[in-house]
Amino acid sequence: MDKLKLFGTQWCLKSAKLRNFLQAQWVDFEDFNVETEELAEKTVRELYGGELKFPTLTYGDSFLKNPSISELKAFLEKHKIQG
């Protein structure tokens, strides 16, 4: 089964904002640090032709780069992800 994944860093304010929003909504997601987890970094670079862009959210084959909260809400609704 697919699970929402957040790829970011500990120091990135946008990553923290998305993380906090998902937690506040009780959305089940996996949180990966692209600076300390080699596989997470590789996964993100594969999405963007070798570039490291974060925060990135993935769900199955879909991904979203650096979304606003409203874009994230639309992504969650599209994929029927609820808290």
PDB file of N, CA and C in Angstrom:
ATOM      1  N   MET A   1       0.841  -1.185   0.000  1.00  0.00           N
ATOM      2  CA  MET A   1       0.000   0.000   0.000  1.00  0.00           C
ATOM      3  C   MET A   1       0.887   1.249   0.000  1.00  0.00           C
ATOM      4  N   ASP A   2       0.477   2.251  -0.775  1.00  0.00           N
ATOM      5  CA  ASP A   2       1.233   3.493  -0.845  1.00  0.00           C
ATOM      6  C   ASP A   2       1.106   4.268   0.461  1.00  0.00           C
ATOM      7  N   LYS A   3       2.155   5.007   0.769  1.00  0.00           N
ATOM      8  CA  LYS A   3       2.157   5.847   1.958  1.00  0.00           C
ATOM      9  C   LYS A   3       2.745   7.200   1.582  1.00  0.00           C
ATOM     10  N   LEU A   4       2.194   8.254   2.138  1.00  0.00           N
ATOM     11  CA  LEU A   4       2.713   9.594   1.900  1.00  0.00           C
ATOM     12  C   LEU A   4       4.110   9.697   2.486  1.00  0.00           C
ATOM     13  N   LYS A   5       5.019  10.312   1.722  1.00  0.00           N
ATOM     14  CA  LYS A   5       6.401  10.480   2.178  1.00  0.00           C
ATOM     15  C   LYS A   5       6.808  11.933   2.018  1.00  0.00           C
ATOM     16  N   LEU A   6       7.464  12.445   3.043  1.00  0.00           N
ATOM     17  CA  LEU A   6       7.995  13.809   3.024  1.00  0.00           C
ATOM     18  C   LEU A   6       9.511  13.724   3.019  1.00  0.00           C
ATOM     19  N   PHE A   7      10.130  14.351   2.022  1.00  0.00           N
ATOM     20  CA  PHE A   7      11.588  14.412   1.916  1.00  0.00           C
ATOM     21  C   PHE A   7      12.003  15.856   2.155  1.00  0.00           C
ATOM     22  N   GLY A   8      12.779  16.076   3.207  1.00  0.00           N
ATOM     23  CA  GLY A   8      13.208  17.431   3.537  1.00  0.00           C
ATOM     24  C   GLY A   8      14.461  17.394   4.386  1.00  0.00           C
ATOM     25  N   THR A   9      14.639  18.427   5.206  1.00  0.00           N
ATOM     26  CA  THR A   9      15.774  18.498   6.131  1.00  0.00           C
ATOM     27  C   THR A   9      15.255  18.993   7.479  1.00  0.00           C
ATOM     28  N   GLN A  10      16.104  18.927   8.476  1.00  0.00           N
ATOM     29  CA  GLN A  10      15.720  19.420   9.799  1.00  0.00           C
ATOM     30  C   GLN A  10      15.761  20.944   9.863  1.00  0.00           C
ATOM     31  N   TRP A  11      16.654  21.586   9.108  1.00  0.00           N
ATOM     32  CA  TRP A  11      16.818  23.032   9.193  1.00  0.00           C
ATOM     33  C   TRP A  11      15.888  23.814   8.258  1.00  0.00           C
ATOM     34  N   CYS A  12      15.261  23.148   7.305  1.00  0.00           N
ATOM     35  CA  CYS A  12      14.424  23.815   6.306  1.00  0.00           C
ATOM     36  C   CYS A  12      13.068  24.194   6.921  1.00  0.00           C
ATOM     37  N   LEU A  13      12.776  25.480   6.962  1.00  0.00           N
ATOM     38  CA  LEU A  13      11.529  25.964   7.554  1.00  0.00           C
ATOM     39  C   LEU A  13      10.300  25.459   6.798  1.00  0.00           C
ATOM     40  N   LYS A  14      10.398  25.362   5.478  1.00  0.00           N
ATOM     41  CA  LYS A  14       9.264  24.865   4.679  1.00  0.00           C
ATOM     42  C   LYS A  14       9.008  23.394   4.987  1.00  0.00           C
ATOM     43  N   SER A  15      10.075  22.608   5.143  1.00  0.00           N
ATOM     44  CA  SER A  15       9.909  21.194   5.523  1.00  0.00           C
ATOM     45  C   SER A  15       9.197  21.106   6.864  1.00  0.00           C
ATOM     46  N   ALA A  16       9.616  21.936   7.811  1.00  0.00           N
ATOM     47  CA  ALA A  16       9.017  21.933   9.147  1.00  0.00           C
ATOM     48  C   ALA A  16       7.547  22.341   9.089  1.00  0.00           C
ATOM     49  N   LYS A  17       7.222  23.322   8.272  1.00  0.00           N
ATOM     50  CA  LYS A  17       5.836  23.784   8.141  1.00  0.00           C
ATOM     51  C   LYS A  17       4.950  22.660   7.606  1.00  0.00           C
ATOM     52  N   LEU A  18       5.418  21.963   6.575  1.00  0.00           N
ATOM     53  CA  LEU A  18       4.645  20.857   6.003  1.00  0.00           C
ATOM     54  C   LEU A  18       4.520  19.715   7.001  1.00  0.00           C
ATOM     55  N   ARG A  19       5.614  19.400   7.676  1.00  0.00           N
ATOM     56  CA  ARG A  19       5.622  18.343   8.694  1.00  0.00           C
ATOM     57  C   ARG A  19       4.612  18.658   9.798  1.00  0.00           C
ATOM     58  N   ASN A  20       4.639  19.899  10.283  1.00  0.00           N
ATOM     59  CA  ASN A  20       3.723  20.317  11.344  1.00  0.00           C
ATOM     60  C   ASN A  20       2.273  20.268  10.884  1.00  0.00           C
ATOM     61  N   PHE A  21       2.012  20.684   9.648  1.00  0.00           N
ATOM     62  CA  PHE A  21       0.651  20.633   9.120  1.00  0.00           C
ATOM     63  C   PHE A  21       0.144  19.194   9.069  1.00  0.00           C
ATOM     64  N   LEU A  22       0.962  18.296   8.526  1.00  0.00           N
ATOM     65  CA  LEU A  22       0.551  16.893   8.414  1.00  0.00           C
ATOM     66  C   LEU A  22       0.294  16.288   9.797  1.00  0.00           C
ATOM     67  N   GLN A  23       1.159  16.595  10.742  1.00  0.00           N
ATOM     68  CA  GLN A  23       0.977  16.085  12.102  1.00  0.00           C
ATOM     69  C   GLN A  23      -0.287  16.652  12.732  1.00  0.00           C
ATOM     70  N   ALA A  24      -0.562  17.924  12.527  1.00  0.00           N
ATOM     71  CA  ALA A  24      -1.753  18.558  13.095  1.00  0.00           C
ATOM     72  C   ALA A  24      -3.039  17.966  12.505  1.00  0.00           C
ATOM     73  N   GLN A  25      -2.952  17.490  11.265  1.00  0.00           N
ATOM     74  CA  GLN A  25      -4.105  16.877  10.597  1.00  0.00           C
ATOM     75  C   GLN A  25      -4.180  15.369  10.855  1.00  0.00           C
ATOM     76  N   TRP A  26      -3.246  14.861  11.624  1.00  0.00           N
ATOM     77  CA  TRP A  26      -3.162  13.421  11.938  1.00  0.00           C
ATOM     78  C   TRP A  26      -2.983  12.558  10.688  1.00  0.00           C
ATOM     79  N   VAL A  27      -2.272  13.094   9.704  1.00  0.00           N
ATOM     80  CA  VAL A  27      -1.998  12.344   8.479  1.00  0.00           C
ATOM     81  C   VAL A  27      -0.802  11.435   8.739  1.00  0.00           C
ATOM     82  N   ASP A  28      -0.951  10.173   8.397  1.00  0.00           N
ATOM     83  CA  ASP A  28       0.130   9.205   8.554  1.00  0.00           C
ATOM     84  C   ASP A  28       1.110   9.377   7.386  1.00  0.00           C
ATOM     85  N   PHE A  29       2.368   9.665   7.700  1.00  0.00           N
ATOM     86  CA  PHE A  29       3.363   9.856   6.646  1.00  0.00           C
ATOM     87  C   PHE A  29       4.732   9.431   7.157  1.00  0.00           C
ATOM     88  N   GLU A  30       5.628   9.178   6.205  1.00  0.00           N
ATOM     89  CA  GLU A  30       7.010   8.871   6.535  1.00  0.00           C
ATOM     90  C   GLU A  30       7.836  10.127   6.289  1.00  0.00           C
ATOM     91  N   ASP A  31       8.783  10.387   7.169  1.00  0.00           N
ATOM     92  CA  ASP A  31       9.586  11.606   7.124  1.00  0.00           C
ATOM     93  C   ASP A  31      11.052  11.236   6.869  1.00  0.00           C
ATOM     94  N   PHE A  32      11.616  11.754   5.800  1.00  0.00           N
ATOM     95  CA  PHE A  32      12.992  11.425   5.422  1.00  0.00           C
ATOM     96  C   PHE A  32      13.845  12.682   5.349  1.00  0.00           C
ATOM     97  N   ASN A  33      15.076  12.589   5.822  1.00  0.00           N
ATOM     98  CA  ASN A  33      16.030  13.696   5.770  1.00  0.00           C
ATOM     99  C   ASN A  33      16.983  13.438   4.609  1.00  0.00           C
ATOM    100  N   VAL A  34      16.946  14.306   3.595  1.00  0.00           N
ATOM    101  CA  VAL A  34      17.763  14.109   2.400  1.00  0.00           C
ATOM    102  C   VAL A  34      19.240  14.392   2.635  1.00  0.00           C
ATOM    103  N   GLU A  35      19.574  14.988   3.777  1.00  0.00           N
ATOM    104  CA  GLU A  35      20.984  15.252   4.082  1.00  0.00           C
ATOM    105  C   GLU A  35      21.641  14.095   4.828  1.00  0.00           C
ATOM    106  N   THR A  36      20.867  13.336   5.556  1.00  0.00           N
ATOM    107  CA  THR A  36      21.457  12.278   6.380  1.00  0.00           C
ATOM    108  C   THR A  36      21.079  10.869   5.924  1.00  0.00           C
ATOM    109  N   GLU A  37      20.119  10.760   5.015  1.00  0.00           N
ATOM    110  CA  GLU A  37      19.682   9.446   4.538  1.00  0.00           C
ATOM    111  C   GLU A  37      19.982   9.337   3.039  1.00  0.00           C
ATOM    112  N   GLU A  38      20.976   8.535   2.720  1.00  0.00           N
ATOM    113  CA  GLU A  38      21.456   8.418   1.344  1.00  0.00           C
ATOM    114  C   GLU A  38      20.356   7.977   0.381  1.00  0.00           C
ATOM    115  N   LEU A  39      19.545   7.013   0.783  1.00  0.00           N
ATOM    116  CA  LEU A  39      18.477   6.531  -0.094  1.00  0.00           C
ATOM    117  C   LEU A  39      17.437   7.621  -0.345  1.00  0.00           C
ATOM    118  N   ALA A  40      17.151   8.434   0.664  1.00  0.00           N
ATOM    119  CA  ALA A  40      16.203   9.545   0.504  1.00  0.00           C
ATOM    120  C   ALA A  40      16.742  10.558  -0.501  1.00  0.00           C
ATOM    121  N   GLU A  41      18.019  10.894  -0.367  1.00  0.00           N
ATOM    122  CA  GLU A  41      18.636  11.832  -1.310  1.00  0.00           C
ATOM    123  C   GLU A  41      18.571  11.280  -2.730  1.00  0.00           C
ATOM    124  N   LYS A  42      18.899  10.007  -2.895  1.00  0.00           N
ATOM    125  CA  LYS A  42      18.883   9.367  -4.215  1.00  0.00           C
ATOM    126  C   LYS A  42      17.476   9.381  -4.806  1.00  0.00           C
ATOM    127  N   THR A  43      16.483   9.089  -3.988  1.00  0.00           N
ATOM    128  CA  THR A  43      15.090   9.074  -4.443  1.00  0.00           C
ATOM    129  C   THR A  43      14.686  10.426  -4.992  1.00  0.00           C
ATOM    130  N   VAL A  44      15.017  11.499  -4.282  1.00  0.00           N
ATOM    131  CA  VAL A  44      14.649  12.842  -4.720  1.00  0.00           C
ATOM    132  C   VAL A  44      15.420  13.231  -5.980  1.00  0.00           C
ATOM    133  N   ARG A  45      16.698  12.934  -6.017  1.00  0.00           N
ATOM    134  CA  ARG A  45      17.493  13.279  -7.205  1.00  0.00           C
ATOM    135  C   ARG A  45      16.963  12.575  -8.455  1.00  0.00           C
ATOM    136  N   GLU A  46      16.452  11.361  -8.301  1.00  0.00           N
ATOM    137  CA  GLU A  46      15.891  10.634  -9.448  1.00  0.00           C
ATOM    138  C   GLU A  46      14.638  11.321  -9.987  1.00  0.00           C
ATOM    139  N   LEU A  47      13.889  11.988  -9.127  1.00  0.00           N
ATOM    140  CA  LEU A  47      12.682  12.691  -9.565  1.00  0.00           C
ATOM    141  C   LEU A  47      13.002  13.932 -10.384  1.00  0.00           C
ATOM    142  N   TYR A  48      14.150  14.559 -10.106  1.00  0.00           N
ATOM    143  CA  TYR A  48      14.478  15.860 -10.702  1.00  0.00           C
ATOM    144  C   TYR A  48      15.748  15.845 -11.539  1.00  0.00           C
ATOM    145  N   GLY A  49      16.019  14.751 -12.208  1.00  0.00           N
ATOM    146  CA  GLY A  49      17.157  14.705 -13.116  1.00  0.00           C
ATOM    147  C   GLY A  49      18.488  14.987 -12.459  1.00  0.00           C
ATOM    148  N   GLY A  50      18.662  14.509 -11.227  1.00  0.00           N
ATOM    149  CA  GLY A  50      19.926  14.666 -10.527  1.00  0.00           C
ATOM    150  C   GLY A  50      19.970  15.824  -9.549  1.00  0.00           C
ATOM    151  N   GLU A  51      18.982  16.705  -9.592  1.00  0.00           N
ATOM    152  CA  GLU A  51      18.960  17.851  -8.675  1.00  0.00           C
ATOM    153  C   GLU A  51      18.284  17.466  -7.359  1.00  0.00           C
ATOM    154  N   LEU A  52      18.747  18.076  -6.290  1.00  0.00           N
ATOM    155  CA  LEU A  52      18.183  17.832  -4.963  1.00  0.00           C
ATOM    156  C   LEU A  52      17.231  18.974  -4.637  1.00  0.00           C
ATOM    157  N   LYS A  53      15.929  18.702  -4.728  1.00  0.00           N
ATOM    158  CA  LYS A  53      14.911  19.728  -4.491  1.00  0.00           C
ATOM    159  C   LYS A  53      14.024  19.274  -3.337  1.00  0.00           C
ATOM    160  N   PHE A  54      13.885  20.125  -2.367  1.00  0.00           N
ATOM    161  CA  PHE A  54      13.074  19.785  -1.200  1.00  0.00           C
ATOM    162  C   PHE A  54      12.462  21.057  -0.627  1.00  0.00           C
ATOM    163  N   PRO A  55      11.385  20.899   0.107  1.00  0.00           N
ATOM    164  CA  PRO A  55      10.724  19.648   0.440  1.00  0.00           C
ATOM    165  C   PRO A  55       9.974  19.073  -0.761  1.00  0.00           C
ATOM    166  N   THR A  56       9.959  17.761  -0.812  1.00  0.00           N
ATOM    167  CA  THR A  56       9.213  17.020  -1.821  1.00  0.00           C
ATOM    168  C   THR A  56       8.334  16.016  -1.097  1.00  0.00           C
ATOM    169  N   LEU A  57       7.105  15.906  -1.549  1.00  0.00           N
ATOM    170  CA  LEU A  57       6.188  14.889  -1.037  1.00  0.00           C
ATOM    171  C   LEU A  57       5.901  13.902  -2.150  1.00  0.00           C
ATOM    172  N   THR A  58       5.837  12.624  -1.809  1.00  0.00           N
ATOM    173  CA  THR A  58       5.486  11.613  -2.789  1.00  0.00           C
ATOM    174  C   THR A  58       4.355  10.744  -2.255  1.00  0.00           C
ATOM    175  N   TYR A  59       3.577  10.241  -3.191  1.00  0.00           N
ATOM    176  CA  TYR A  59       2.545   9.263  -2.878  1.00  0.00           C
ATOM    177  C   TYR A  59       2.409   8.400  -4.114  1.00  0.00           C
ATOM    178  N   GLY A  60       2.853   7.161  -4.018  1.00  0.00           N
ATOM    179  CA  GLY A  60       2.882   6.312  -5.207  1.00  0.00           C
ATOM    180  C   GLY A  60       3.812   6.919  -6.241  1.00  0.00           C
ATOM    181  N   ASP A  61       3.296   7.100  -7.461  1.00  0.00           N
ATOM    182  CA  ASP A  61       4.092   7.683  -8.545  1.00  0.00           C
ATOM    183  C   ASP A  61       3.958   9.198  -8.629  1.00  0.00           C
ATOM    184  N   SER A  62       3.106   9.784  -7.795  1.00  0.00           N
ATOM    185  CA  SER A  62       2.895  11.229  -7.808  1.00  0.00           C
ATOM    186  C   SER A  62       3.855  11.918  -6.852  1.00  0.00           C
ATOM    187  N   PHE A  63       4.278  13.124  -7.224  1.00  0.00           N
ATOM    188  CA  PHE A  63       5.129  13.890  -6.311  1.00  0.00           C
ATOM    189  C   PHE A  63       4.835  15.375  -6.448  1.00  0.00           C
ATOM    190  N   LEU A  64       5.185  16.086  -5.400  1.00  0.00           N
ATOM    191  CA  LEU A  64       4.889  17.503  -5.286  1.00  0.00           C
ATOM    192  C   LEU A  64       6.118  18.194  -4.707  1.00  0.00           C
ATOM    193  N   LYS A  65       6.604  19.232  -5.415  1.00  0.00           N
ATOM    194  CA  LYS A  65       7.805  19.943  -4.967  1.00  0.00           C
ATOM    195  C   LYS A  65       7.436  21.252  -4.299  1.00  0.00           C
ATOM    196  N   ASN A  66       7.942  21.448  -3.094  1.00  0.00           N
ATOM    197  CA  ASN A  66       7.849  22.715  -2.382  1.00  0.00           C
ATOM    198  C   ASN A  66       6.434  23.303  -2.399  1.00  0.00           C
ATOM    199  N   PRO A  67       5.440  22.519  -1.977  1.00  0.00           N
ATOM    200  CA  PRO A  67       4.062  23.002  -2.082  1.00  0.00           C
ATOM    201  C   PRO A  67       3.678  23.993  -0.996  1.00  0.00           C
ATOM    202  N   SER A  68       2.692  24.821  -1.317  1.00  0.00           N
ATOM    203  CA  SER A  68       2.046  25.634  -0.295  1.00  0.00           C
ATOM    204  C   SER A  68       1.101  24.704   0.473  1.00  0.00           C
ATOM    205  N   ILE A  69       0.553  25.180   1.570  1.00  0.00           N
ATOM    206  CA  ILE A  69      -0.388  24.370   2.332  1.00  0.00           C
ATOM    207  C   ILE A  69      -1.628  24.072   1.483  1.00  0.00           C
ATOM    208  N   SER A  70      -2.101  25.043   0.713  1.00  0.00           N
ATOM    209  CA  SER A  70      -3.280  24.795  -0.127  1.00  0.00           C
ATOM    210  C   SER A  70      -2.977  23.765  -1.215  1.00  0.00           C
ATOM    211  N   GLU A  71      -1.772  23.797  -1.782  1.00  0.00           N
ATOM    212  CA  GLU A  71      -1.386  22.780  -2.769  1.00  0.00           C
ATOM    213  C   GLU A  71      -1.290  21.411  -2.117  1.00  0.00           C
ATOM    214  N   LEU A  72      -0.776  21.371  -0.891  1.00  0.00           N
ATOM    215  CA  LEU A  72      -0.692  20.112  -0.164  1.00  0.00           C
ATOM    216  C   LEU A  72      -2.086  19.569   0.130  1.00  0.00           C
ATOM    217  N   LYS A  73      -3.002  20.439   0.554  1.00  0.00           N
ATOM    218  CA  LYS A  73      -4.380  20.003   0.816  1.00  0.00           C
ATOM    219  C   LYS A  73      -5.002  19.401  -0.443  1.00  0.00           C
ATOM    220  N   ALA A  74      -4.804  20.048  -1.588  1.00  0.00           N
ATOM    221  CA  ALA A  74      -5.342  19.544  -2.855  1.00  0.00           C
ATOM    222  C   ALA A  74      -4.735  18.186  -3.203  1.00  0.00           C
ATOM    223  N   PHE A  75      -3.437  18.022  -2.965  1.00  0.00           N
ATOM    224  CA  PHE A  75      -2.741  16.757  -3.206  1.00  0.00           C
ATOM    225  C   PHE A  75      -3.331  15.658  -2.324  1.00  0.00           C
ATOM    226  N   LEU A  76      -3.560  15.971  -1.056  1.00  0.00           N
ATOM    227  CA  LEU A  76      -4.134  14.992  -0.124  1.00  0.00           C
ATOM    228  C   LEU A  76      -5.545  14.603  -0.559  1.00  0.00           C
ATOM    229  N   GLU A  77      -6.335  15.587  -0.972  1.00  0.00           N
ATOM    230  CA  GLU A  77      -7.703  15.308  -1.431  1.00  0.00           C
ATOM    231  C   GLU A  77      -7.697  14.462  -2.694  1.00  0.00           C
ATOM    232  N   LYS A  78      -6.835  14.816  -3.644  1.00  0.00           N
ATOM    233  CA  LYS A  78      -6.740  14.084  -4.907  1.00  0.00           C
ATOM    234  C   LYS A  78      -6.462  12.611  -4.667  1.00  0.00           C
ATOM    235  N   HIS A  79      -5.604  12.326  -3.692  1.00  0.00           N
ATOM    236  CA  HIS A  79      -5.202  10.939  -3.421  1.00  0.00           C
ATOM    237  C   HIS A  79      -6.006  10.315  -2.266  1.00  0.00           C
ATOM    238  N   LYS A  80      -7.023  11.049  -1.816  1.00  0.00           N
ATOM    239  CA  LYS A  80      -7.902  10.554  -0.742  1.00  0.00           C
ATOM    240  C   LYS A  80      -7.114  10.150   0.506  1.00  0.00           C
ATOM    241  N   ILE A  81      -6.146  11.012   0.858  1.00  0.00           N
ATOM    242  CA  ILE A  81      -5.331  10.788   2.066  1.00  0.00           C
ATOM    243  C   ILE A  81      -5.949  11.620   3.167  1.00  0.00           C
ATOM    244  N   GLN A  82      -6.323  10.959   4.242  1.00  0.00           N
ATOM    245  CA  GLN A  82      -6.965  11.647   5.353  1.00  0.00           C
ATOM    246  C   GLN A  82      -6.254  11.328   6.665  1.00  0.00           C
ATOM    247  N   GLY A  83      -6.455  12.214   7.613  1.00  0.00           N
ATOM    248  CA  GLY A  83      -5.907  12.004   8.941  1.00  0.00           C
ATOM    249  C   GLY A  83      -6.869  11.248   9.807  1.00  0.00           C
TER     250      GLY A  83
END
